[in-house]
Amino acid sequence: MDTSPYSNFESLDIRVGTILQAKLFSKARKPAYQLVVDFGEEIGHLQSSAQLTELYAIDDLIGKQILAVVF
């Protein structure tokens, strides 16, 4: 069994997705957004959260493409 750092990285499922929706995550301990991300036909829409409130306004996130590790 290969346990090199590269083999660990190679086993990750990293996908490109497009942010469809973003709103403030009111229950988060630190300011964050709740996101709905479209990962295409195979995976569909998934929800996530991100602490990006100091860097992006909600309107700036819609349509942005992101990389994410998907389970």
PDB file of N, CA and C in Angstrom:
ATOM      1  N   MET A   1       0.847  -1.188   0.000  1.00  0.00           N
ATOM      2  CA  MET A   1       0.000   0.000   0.000  1.00  0.00           C
ATOM      3  C   MET A   1       0.890   1.248   0.000  1.00  0.00           C
ATOM      4  N   ASP A   2       0.673   2.115  -0.962  1.00  0.00           N
ATOM      5  CA  ASP A   2       1.463   3.337  -1.095  1.00  0.00           C
ATOM      6  C   ASP A   2       0.843   4.426  -0.219  1.00  0.00           C
ATOM      7  N   THR A   3       1.583   4.909   0.764  1.00  0.00           N
ATOM      8  CA  THR A   3       1.069   5.950   1.660  1.00  0.00           C
ATOM      9  C   THR A   3       1.836   7.248   1.499  1.00  0.00           C
ATOM     10  N   SER A   4       2.395   7.465   0.320  1.00  0.00           N
ATOM     11  CA  SER A   4       3.125   8.709   0.075  1.00  0.00           C
ATOM     12  C   SER A   4       2.143   9.873   0.066  1.00  0.00           C
ATOM     13  N   PRO A   5       2.638  11.080   0.320  1.00  0.00           N
ATOM     14  CA  PRO A   5       1.749  12.250   0.294  1.00  0.00           C
ATOM     15  C   PRO A   5       1.030  12.391  -1.042  1.00  0.00           C
ATOM     16  N   TYR A   6       1.690  12.060  -2.154  1.00  0.00           N
ATOM     17  CA  TYR A   6       1.044  12.179  -3.460  1.00  0.00           C
ATOM     18  C   TYR A   6      -0.114  11.207  -3.598  1.00  0.00           C
ATOM     19  N   SER A   7       0.041   9.981  -3.117  1.00  0.00           N
ATOM     20  CA  SER A   7      -1.055   9.008  -3.238  1.00  0.00           C
ATOM     21  C   SER A   7      -2.251   9.445  -2.399  1.00  0.00           C
ATOM     22  N   ASN A   8      -1.995  10.095  -1.249  1.00  0.00           N
ATOM     23  CA  ASN A   8      -3.098  10.630  -0.448  1.00  0.00           C
ATOM     24  C   ASN A   8      -3.827  11.720  -1.228  1.00  0.00           C
ATOM     25  N   PHE A   9      -3.076  12.615  -1.859  1.00  0.00           N
ATOM     26  CA  PHE A   9      -3.667  13.689  -2.658  1.00  0.00           C
ATOM     27  C   PHE A   9      -4.430  13.119  -3.850  1.00  0.00           C
ATOM     28  N   GLU A  10      -3.861  12.119  -4.481  1.00  0.00           N
ATOM     29  CA  GLU A  10      -4.467  11.517  -5.671  1.00  0.00           C
ATOM     30  C   GLU A  10      -5.821  10.872  -5.358  1.00  0.00           C
ATOM     31  N   SER A  11      -6.036  10.461  -4.129  1.00  0.00           N
ATOM     32  CA  SER A  11      -7.289   9.805  -3.763  1.00  0.00           C
ATOM     33  C   SER A  11      -8.431  10.792  -3.517  1.00  0.00           C
ATOM     34  N   LEU A  12      -8.122  12.098  -3.453  1.00  0.00           N
ATOM     35  CA  LEU A  12      -9.166  13.106  -3.236  1.00  0.00           C
ATOM     36  C   LEU A  12      -9.994  13.303  -4.500  1.00  0.00           C
ATOM     37  N   ASP A  13     -11.282  13.593  -4.327  1.00  0.00           N
ATOM     38  CA  ASP A  13     -12.165  13.904  -5.449  1.00  0.00           C
ATOM     39  C   ASP A  13     -12.357  15.417  -5.472  1.00  0.00           C
ATOM     40  N   ILE A  14     -11.530  16.109  -6.255  1.00  0.00           N
ATOM     41  CA  ILE A  14     -11.572  17.568  -6.332  1.00  0.00           C
ATOM     42  C   ILE A  14     -12.348  17.947  -7.593  1.00  0.00           C
ATOM     43  N   ARG A  15     -13.388  18.758  -7.434  1.00  0.00           N
ATOM     44  CA  ARG A  15     -14.253  19.145  -8.543  1.00  0.00           C
ATOM     45  C   ARG A  15     -14.362  20.655  -8.652  1.00  0.00           C
ATOM     46  N   VAL A  16     -14.679  21.108  -9.857  1.00  0.00           N
ATOM     47  CA  VAL A  16     -14.977  22.514 -10.106  1.00  0.00           C
ATOM     48  C   VAL A  16     -16.493  22.671 -10.049  1.00  0.00           C
ATOM     49  N   GLY A  17     -16.942  23.691  -9.330  1.00  0.00           N
ATOM     50  CA  GLY A  17     -18.364  23.968  -9.228  1.00  0.00           C
ATOM     51  C   GLY A  17     -18.631  25.456  -9.399  1.00  0.00           C
ATOM     52  N   THR A  18     -19.880  25.784  -9.704  1.00  0.00           N
ATOM     53  CA  THR A  18     -20.296  27.172  -9.870  1.00  0.00           C
ATOM     54  C   THR A  18     -21.263  27.536  -8.753  1.00  0.00           C
ATOM     55  N   ILE A  19     -21.004  28.642  -8.083  1.00  0.00           N
ATOM     56  CA  ILE A  19     -21.880  29.081  -6.992  1.00  0.00           C
ATOM     57  C   ILE A  19     -23.180  29.610  -7.585  1.00  0.00           C
ATOM     58  N   LEU A  20     -24.291  29.010  -7.160  1.00  0.00           N
ATOM     59  CA  LEU A  20     -25.609  29.415  -7.639  1.00  0.00           C
ATOM     60  C   LEU A  20     -26.310  30.358  -6.667  1.00  0.00           C
ATOM     61  N   GLN A  21     -26.139  30.104  -5.372  1.00  0.00           N
ATOM     62  CA  GLN A  21     -26.807  30.898  -4.342  1.00  0.00           C
ATOM     63  C   GLN A  21     -25.843  31.134  -3.195  1.00  0.00           C
ATOM     64  N   ALA A  22     -26.007  32.276  -2.553  1.00  0.00           N
ATOM     65  CA  ALA A  22     -25.226  32.590  -1.352  1.00  0.00           C
ATOM     66  C   ALA A  22     -26.098  33.431  -0.435  1.00  0.00           C
ATOM     67  N   LYS A  23     -26.038  33.127   0.857  1.00  0.00           N
ATOM     68  CA  LYS A  23     -26.758  33.933   1.851  1.00  0.00           C
ATOM     69  C   LYS A  23     -25.971  33.900   3.147  1.00  0.00           C
ATOM     70  N   LEU A  24     -26.247  34.850   4.020  1.00  0.00           N
ATOM     71  CA  LEU A  24     -25.563  34.882   5.307  1.00  0.00           C
ATOM     72  C   LEU A  24     -25.925  33.647   6.121  1.00  0.00           C
ATOM     73  N   PHE A  25     -24.941  33.073   6.781  1.00  0.00           N
ATOM     74  CA  PHE A  25     -25.131  31.890   7.610  1.00  0.00           C
ATOM     75  C   PHE A  25     -25.298  32.376   9.048  1.00  0.00           C
ATOM     76  N   SER A  26     -26.537  32.623   9.427  1.00  0.00           N
ATOM     77  CA  SER A  26     -26.822  33.262  10.717  1.00  0.00           C
ATOM     78  C   SER A  26     -26.455  32.394  11.923  1.00  0.00           C
ATOM     79  N   LYS A  27     -26.393  31.069  11.769  1.00  0.00           N
ATOM     80  CA  LYS A  27     -26.088  30.186  12.899  1.00  0.00           C
ATOM     81  C   LYS A  27     -24.590  29.910  13.059  1.00  0.00           C
ATOM     82  N   ALA A  28     -23.786  30.428  12.157  1.00  0.00           N
ATOM     83  CA  ALA A  28     -22.338  30.195  12.233  1.00  0.00           C
ATOM     84  C   ALA A  28     -21.732  30.968  13.397  1.00  0.00           C
ATOM     85  N   ARG A  29     -20.712  30.394  14.020  1.00  0.00           N
ATOM     86  CA  ARG A  29     -20.028  31.073  15.120  1.00  0.00           C
ATOM     87  C   ARG A  29     -19.244  32.282  14.629  1.00  0.00           C
ATOM     88  N   LYS A  30     -18.620  32.146  13.464  1.00  0.00           N
ATOM     89  CA  LYS A  30     -17.898  33.251  12.828  1.00  0.00           C
ATOM     90  C   LYS A  30     -18.676  33.633  11.575  1.00  0.00           C
ATOM     91  N   PRO A  31     -18.642  34.909  11.168  1.00  0.00           N
ATOM     92  CA  PRO A  31     -19.393  35.326   9.975  1.00  0.00           C
ATOM     93  C   PRO A  31     -19.061  34.451   8.760  1.00  0.00           C
ATOM     94  N   ALA A  32     -20.105  33.949   8.105  1.00  0.00           N
ATOM     95  CA  ALA A  32     -19.914  33.045   6.968  1.00  0.00           C
ATOM     96  C   ALA A  32     -21.120  33.131   6.042  1.00  0.00           C
ATOM     97  N   TYR A  33     -20.949  32.568   4.861  1.00  0.00           N
ATOM     98  CA  TYR A  33     -22.039  32.443   3.891  1.00  0.00           C
ATOM     99  C   TYR A  33     -22.411  30.978   3.745  1.00  0.00           C
ATOM    100  N   GLN A  34     -23.695  30.718   3.515  1.00  0.00           N
ATOM    101  CA  GLN A  34     -24.161  29.408   3.095  1.00  0.00           C
ATOM    102  C   GLN A  34     -24.210  29.444   1.578  1.00  0.00           C
ATOM    103  N   LEU A  35     -23.667  28.424   0.947  1.00  0.00           N
ATOM    104  CA  LEU A  35     -23.571  28.397  -0.511  1.00  0.00           C
ATOM    105  C   LEU A  35     -24.301  27.191  -1.076  1.00  0.00           C
ATOM    106  N   VAL A  36     -24.876  27.368  -2.253  1.00  0.00           N
ATOM    107  CA  VAL A  36     -25.365  26.254  -3.061  1.00  0.00           C
ATOM    108  C   VAL A  36     -24.486  26.246  -4.301  1.00  0.00           C
ATOM    109  N   VAL A  37     -23.823  25.107  -4.536  1.00  0.00           N
ATOM    110  CA  VAL A  37     -22.840  25.006  -5.611  1.00  0.00           C
ATOM    111  C   VAL A  37     -23.273  23.922  -6.586  1.00  0.00           C
ATOM    112  N   ASP A  38     -23.234  24.245  -7.883  1.00  0.00           N
ATOM    113  CA  ASP A  38     -23.576  23.296  -8.945  1.00  0.00           C
ATOM    114  C   ASP A  38     -22.298  22.612  -9.413  1.00  0.00           C
ATOM    115  N   PHE A  39     -22.247  21.280  -9.228  1.00  0.00           N
ATOM    116  CA  PHE A  39     -21.093  20.494  -9.658  1.00  0.00           C
ATOM    117  C   PHE A  39     -21.384  19.679 -10.910  1.00  0.00           C
ATOM    118  N   GLY A  40     -22.415  20.053 -11.647  1.00  0.00           N
ATOM    119  CA  GLY A  40     -22.720  19.376 -12.899  1.00  0.00           C
ATOM    120  C   GLY A  40     -23.659  18.207 -12.729  1.00  0.00           C
ATOM    121  N   GLU A  41     -23.931  17.563 -13.851  1.00  0.00           N
ATOM    122  CA  GLU A  41     -24.931  16.507 -13.911  1.00  0.00           C
ATOM    123  C   GLU A  41     -24.605  15.313 -13.008  1.00  0.00           C
ATOM    124  N   GLU A  42     -23.346  14.944 -12.946  1.00  0.00           N
ATOM    125  CA  GLU A  42     -22.950  13.743 -12.200  1.00  0.00           C
ATOM    126  C   GLU A  42     -23.189  13.875 -10.695  1.00  0.00           C
ATOM    127  N   ILE A  43     -22.908  15.045 -10.132  1.00  0.00           N
ATOM    128  CA  ILE A  43     -23.034  15.245  -8.682  1.00  0.00           C
ATOM    129  C   ILE A  43     -24.251  16.089  -8.335  1.00  0.00           C
ATOM    130  N   GLY A  44     -24.543  17.103  -9.135  1.00  0.00           N
ATOM    131  CA  GLY A  44     -25.693  17.974  -8.873  1.00  0.00           C
ATOM    132  C   GLY A  44     -25.336  19.151  -7.990  1.00  0.00           C
ATOM    133  N   HIS A  45     -26.329  19.639  -7.252  1.00  0.00           N
ATOM    134  CA  HIS A  45     -26.158  20.798  -6.378  1.00  0.00           C
ATOM    135  C   HIS A  45     -25.836  20.328  -4.968  1.00  0.00           C
ATOM    136  N   LEU A  46     -24.809  20.914  -4.371  1.00  0.00           N
ATOM    137  CA  LEU A  46     -24.430  20.616  -2.996  1.00  0.00           C
ATOM    138  C   LEU A  46     -24.367  21.906  -2.199  1.00  0.00           C
ATOM    139  N   GLN A  47     -24.561  21.782  -0.894  1.00  0.00           N
ATOM    140  CA  GLN A  47     -24.472  22.944  -0.008  1.00  0.00           C
ATOM    141  C   GLN A  47     -23.130  22.942   0.696  1.00  0.00           C
ATOM    142  N   SER A  48     -22.648  24.146   0.971  1.00  0.00           N
ATOM    143  CA  SER A  48     -21.398  24.310   1.697  1.00  0.00           C
ATOM    144  C   SER A  48     -21.464  25.631   2.440  1.00  0.00           C
ATOM    145  N   SER A  49     -20.431  25.926   3.187  1.00  0.00           N
ATOM    146  CA  SER A  49     -20.340  27.239   3.829  1.00  0.00           C
ATOM    147  C   SER A  49     -18.907  27.726   3.700  1.00  0.00           C
ATOM    148  N   ALA A  50     -18.745  29.038   3.774  1.00  0.00           N
ATOM    149  CA  ALA A  50     -17.413  29.621   3.616  1.00  0.00           C
ATOM    150  C   ALA A  50     -17.322  30.913   4.402  1.00  0.00           C
ATOM    151  N   GLN A  51     -16.216  31.105   5.077  1.00  0.00           N
ATOM    152  CA  GLN A  51     -15.974  32.339   5.837  1.00  0.00           C
ATOM    153  C   GLN A  51     -15.312  33.362   4.917  1.00  0.00           C
ATOM    154  N   LEU A  52     -16.104  33.890   3.996  1.00  0.00           N
ATOM    155  CA  LEU A  52     -15.602  34.832   2.995  1.00  0.00           C
ATOM    156  C   LEU A  52     -16.223  36.210   3.127  1.00  0.00           C
ATOM    157  N   THR A  53     -16.877  36.478   4.238  1.00  0.00           N
ATOM    158  CA  THR A  53     -17.648  37.714   4.363  1.00  0.00           C
ATOM    159  C   THR A  53     -16.796  38.968   4.298  1.00  0.00           C
ATOM    160  N   GLU A  54     -15.531  38.878   4.698  1.00  0.00           N
ATOM    161  CA  GLU A  54     -14.659  40.057   4.646  1.00  0.00           C
ATOM    162  C   GLU A  54     -14.055  40.253   3.256  1.00  0.00           C
ATOM    163  N   LEU A  55     -14.107  39.219   2.427  1.00  0.00           N
ATOM    164  CA  LEU A  55     -13.479  39.293   1.111  1.00  0.00           C
ATOM    165  C   LEU A  55     -14.472  39.514  -0.031  1.00  0.00           C
ATOM    166  N   TYR A  56     -15.703  38.993   0.117  1.00  0.00           N
ATOM    167  CA  TYR A  56     -16.675  39.037  -0.972  1.00  0.00           C
ATOM    168  C   TYR A  56     -18.055  39.447  -0.462  1.00  0.00           C
ATOM    169  N   ALA A  57     -18.750  40.227  -1.268  1.00  0.00           N
ATOM    170  CA  ALA A  57     -20.176  40.481  -1.045  1.00  0.00           C
ATOM    171  C   ALA A  57     -20.945  39.321  -1.674  1.00  0.00           C
ATOM    172  N   ILE A  58     -22.159  39.086  -1.215  1.00  0.00           N
ATOM    173  CA  ILE A  58     -22.960  37.979  -1.742  1.00  0.00           C
ATOM    174  C   ILE A  58     -23.075  38.060  -3.258  1.00  0.00           C
ATOM    175  N   ASP A  59     -23.380  39.237  -3.786  1.00  0.00           N
ATOM    176  CA  ASP A  59     -23.555  39.387  -5.232  1.00  0.00           C
ATOM    177  C   ASP A  59     -22.286  39.071  -6.014  1.00  0.00           C
ATOM    178  N   ASP A  60     -21.126  39.250  -5.399  1.00  0.00           N
ATOM    179  CA  ASP A  60     -19.864  38.947  -6.071  1.00  0.00           C
ATOM    180  C   ASP A  60     -19.608  37.445  -6.181  1.00  0.00           C
ATOM    181  N   LEU A  61     -20.235  36.645  -5.331  1.00  0.00           N
ATOM    182  CA  LEU A  61     -20.002  35.201  -5.326  1.00  0.00           C
ATOM    183  C   LEU A  61     -20.808  34.461  -6.389  1.00  0.00           C
ATOM    184  N   ILE A  62     -21.998  34.960  -6.699  1.00  0.00           N
ATOM    185  CA  ILE A  62     -22.878  34.267  -7.645  1.00  0.00           C
ATOM    186  C   ILE A  62     -22.172  34.159  -9.003  1.00  0.00           C
ATOM    187  N   GLY A  63     -22.101  32.935  -9.515  1.00  0.00           N
ATOM    188  CA  GLY A  63     -21.478  32.695 -10.819  1.00  0.00           C
ATOM    189  C   GLY A  63     -19.986  32.385 -10.747  1.00  0.00           C
ATOM    190  N   LYS A  64     -19.360  32.591  -9.586  1.00  0.00           N
ATOM    191  CA  LYS A  64     -17.931  32.289  -9.438  1.00  0.00           C
ATOM    192  C   LYS A  64     -17.727  30.770  -9.458  1.00  0.00           C
ATOM    193  N   GLN A  65     -16.624  30.358 -10.053  1.00  0.00           N
ATOM    194  CA  GLN A  65     -16.275  28.947 -10.036  1.00  0.00           C
ATOM    195  C   GLN A  65     -15.283  28.704  -8.907  1.00  0.00           C
ATOM    196  N   ILE A  66     -15.449  27.557  -8.250  1.00  0.00           N
ATOM    197  CA  ILE A  66     -14.620  27.198  -7.107  1.00  0.00           C
ATOM    198  C   ILE A  66     -14.119  25.765  -7.260  1.00  0.00           C
ATOM    199  N   LEU A  67     -13.097  25.437  -6.523  1.00  0.00           N
ATOM    200  CA  LEU A  67     -12.632  24.058  -6.389  1.00  0.00           C
ATOM    201  C   LEU A  67     -13.072  23.549  -5.030  1.00  0.00           C
ATOM    202  N   ALA A  68     -13.516  22.308  -4.989  1.00  0.00           N
ATOM    203  CA  ALA A  68     -13.961  21.733  -3.718  1.00  0.00           C
ATOM    204  C   ALA A  68     -13.662  20.238  -3.684  1.00  0.00           C
ATOM    205  N   VAL A  69     -13.379  19.745  -2.504  1.00  0.00           N
ATOM    206  CA  VAL A  69     -13.256  18.299  -2.294  1.00  0.00           C
ATOM    207  C   VAL A  69     -14.650  17.782  -2.020  1.00  0.00           C
ATOM    208  N   VAL A  70     -15.103  16.830  -2.840  1.00  0.00           N
ATOM    209  CA  VAL A  70     -16.467  16.318  -2.705  1.00  0.00           C
ATOM    210  C   VAL A  70     -16.424  14.892  -2.175  1.00  0.00           C
ATOM    211  N   PHE A  71     -17.405  14.567  -1.334  1.00  0.00           N
ATOM    212  CA  PHE A  71     -17.498  13.226  -0.746  1.00  0.00           C
ATOM    213  C   PHE A  71     -18.595  12.439  -1.398  1.00  0.00           C
TER     214      PHE A  71
END
